[in-house]
Amino acid sequence: MGLFSDIDEANSKWYFNTATGEVEQGLVSDWTHRMGPYDTEAEARDALEQAKKRNEEWNEADEKWNG
């Protein structure tokens, strides 16, 4: 475990680039356009769908909470 182990780990992960719609491995793009990190390319490719699903679940929970 070295000084840059966090960076090494981040560069081995997968990210979804919201500006290009592309999946990237490592810290390729600016953080403002990255969703992730994800362990696999497939998880990164599904990032928007997973975010949509979570948002819908949270909205439903909010509606129940607020009555």
Protein backbone atom coordinates (compact mmCIF):
# COMPACT_ATOMS: atom_id res chain seq x y z
CA MET A 1 0.00 0.00 0.00
CA GLY A 2 1.81 3.06 -1.23
CA LEU A 3 1.31 6.77 -1.17
CA PHE A 4 -0.83 6.70 -4.31
CA SER A 5 -2.80 3.51 -3.64
CA ASP A 6 -6.13 5.38 -3.70
CA ILE A 7 -5.33 6.75 -7.16
CA ASP A 8 -4.20 3.32 -8.37
CA GLU A 9 -7.48 1.82 -7.16
CA ALA A 10 -9.53 4.61 -8.77
CA ASN A 11 -7.72 4.05 -12.06
CA SER A 12 -8.68 0.38 -12.04
CA LYS A 13 -12.40 1.18 -11.61
CA TRP A 14 -14.99 1.95 -14.28
CA TYR A 15 -16.87 5.23 -14.74
CA PHE A 16 -19.76 6.52 -16.86
CA ASN A 17 -19.03 9.82 -18.60
CA THR A 18 -22.25 11.88 -18.57
CA ALA A 19 -20.95 14.30 -21.21
CA THR A 20 -20.10 11.67 -23.83
CA GLY A 21 -22.25 8.72 -22.76
CA GLU A 22 -19.15 6.53 -22.85
CA VAL A 23 -17.81 4.09 -20.28
CA GLU A 24 -14.21 4.71 -19.25
CA GLN A 25 -11.71 2.83 -17.14
CA GLY A 26 -9.79 5.02 -14.74
CA LEU A 27 -9.77 8.73 -14.03
CA VAL A 28 -9.91 9.76 -17.69
CA SER A 29 -12.47 12.56 -17.62
CA ASP A 30 -13.07 15.53 -15.38
CA TRP A 31 -14.89 14.65 -12.15
CA THR A 32 -17.83 16.85 -13.17
CA HIS A 33 -18.71 14.34 -15.91
CA ARG A 34 -18.03 11.06 -14.06
CA MET A 35 -20.49 8.70 -12.39
CA GLY A 36 -18.85 5.99 -10.36
CA PRO A 37 -16.67 4.27 -9.51
CA TYR A 38 -18.05 0.88 -10.51
CA ASP A 39 -16.31 -2.47 -10.23
CA THR A 40 -17.22 -3.63 -13.73
CA GLU A 41 -17.71 -2.13 -17.16
CA ALA A 42 -21.27 -3.49 -17.22
CA GLU A 43 -22.15 -1.71 -13.97
CA ALA A 44 -20.79 1.56 -15.35
CA ARG A 45 -22.74 1.11 -18.59
CA ASP A 46 -25.93 0.73 -16.53
CA ALA A 47 -25.24 3.82 -14.38
CA LEU A 48 -28.02 6.04 -15.71
CA GLU A 49 -30.64 3.31 -15.48
CA GLN A 50 -29.62 2.53 -11.89
CA ALA A 51 -29.73 6.23 -10.97
CA LYS A 52 -33.20 6.54 -12.51
CA LYS A 53 -34.41 3.49 -10.58
CA ARG A 54 -33.03 4.81 -7.27
CA ASN A 55 -34.57 8.24 -7.87
CA GLU A 56 -37.97 6.65 -8.49
CA GLU A 57 -37.65 4.60 -5.29
CA TRP A 58 -36.65 7.68 -3.29
CA ASN A 59 -39.53 9.71 -4.77
CA GLU A 60 -41.99 6.98 -3.78
CA ALA A 61 -40.54 6.89 -0.26
CA ASP A 62 -40.82 10.68 -0.02
CA GLU A 63 -44.47 10.55 -1.12
CA LYS A 64 -45.23 7.93 1.55
CA TRP A 65 -43.37 9.94 4.19
CA ASN A 66 -45.15 13.17 3.29
CA GLY A 67 -48.55 11.49 3.11
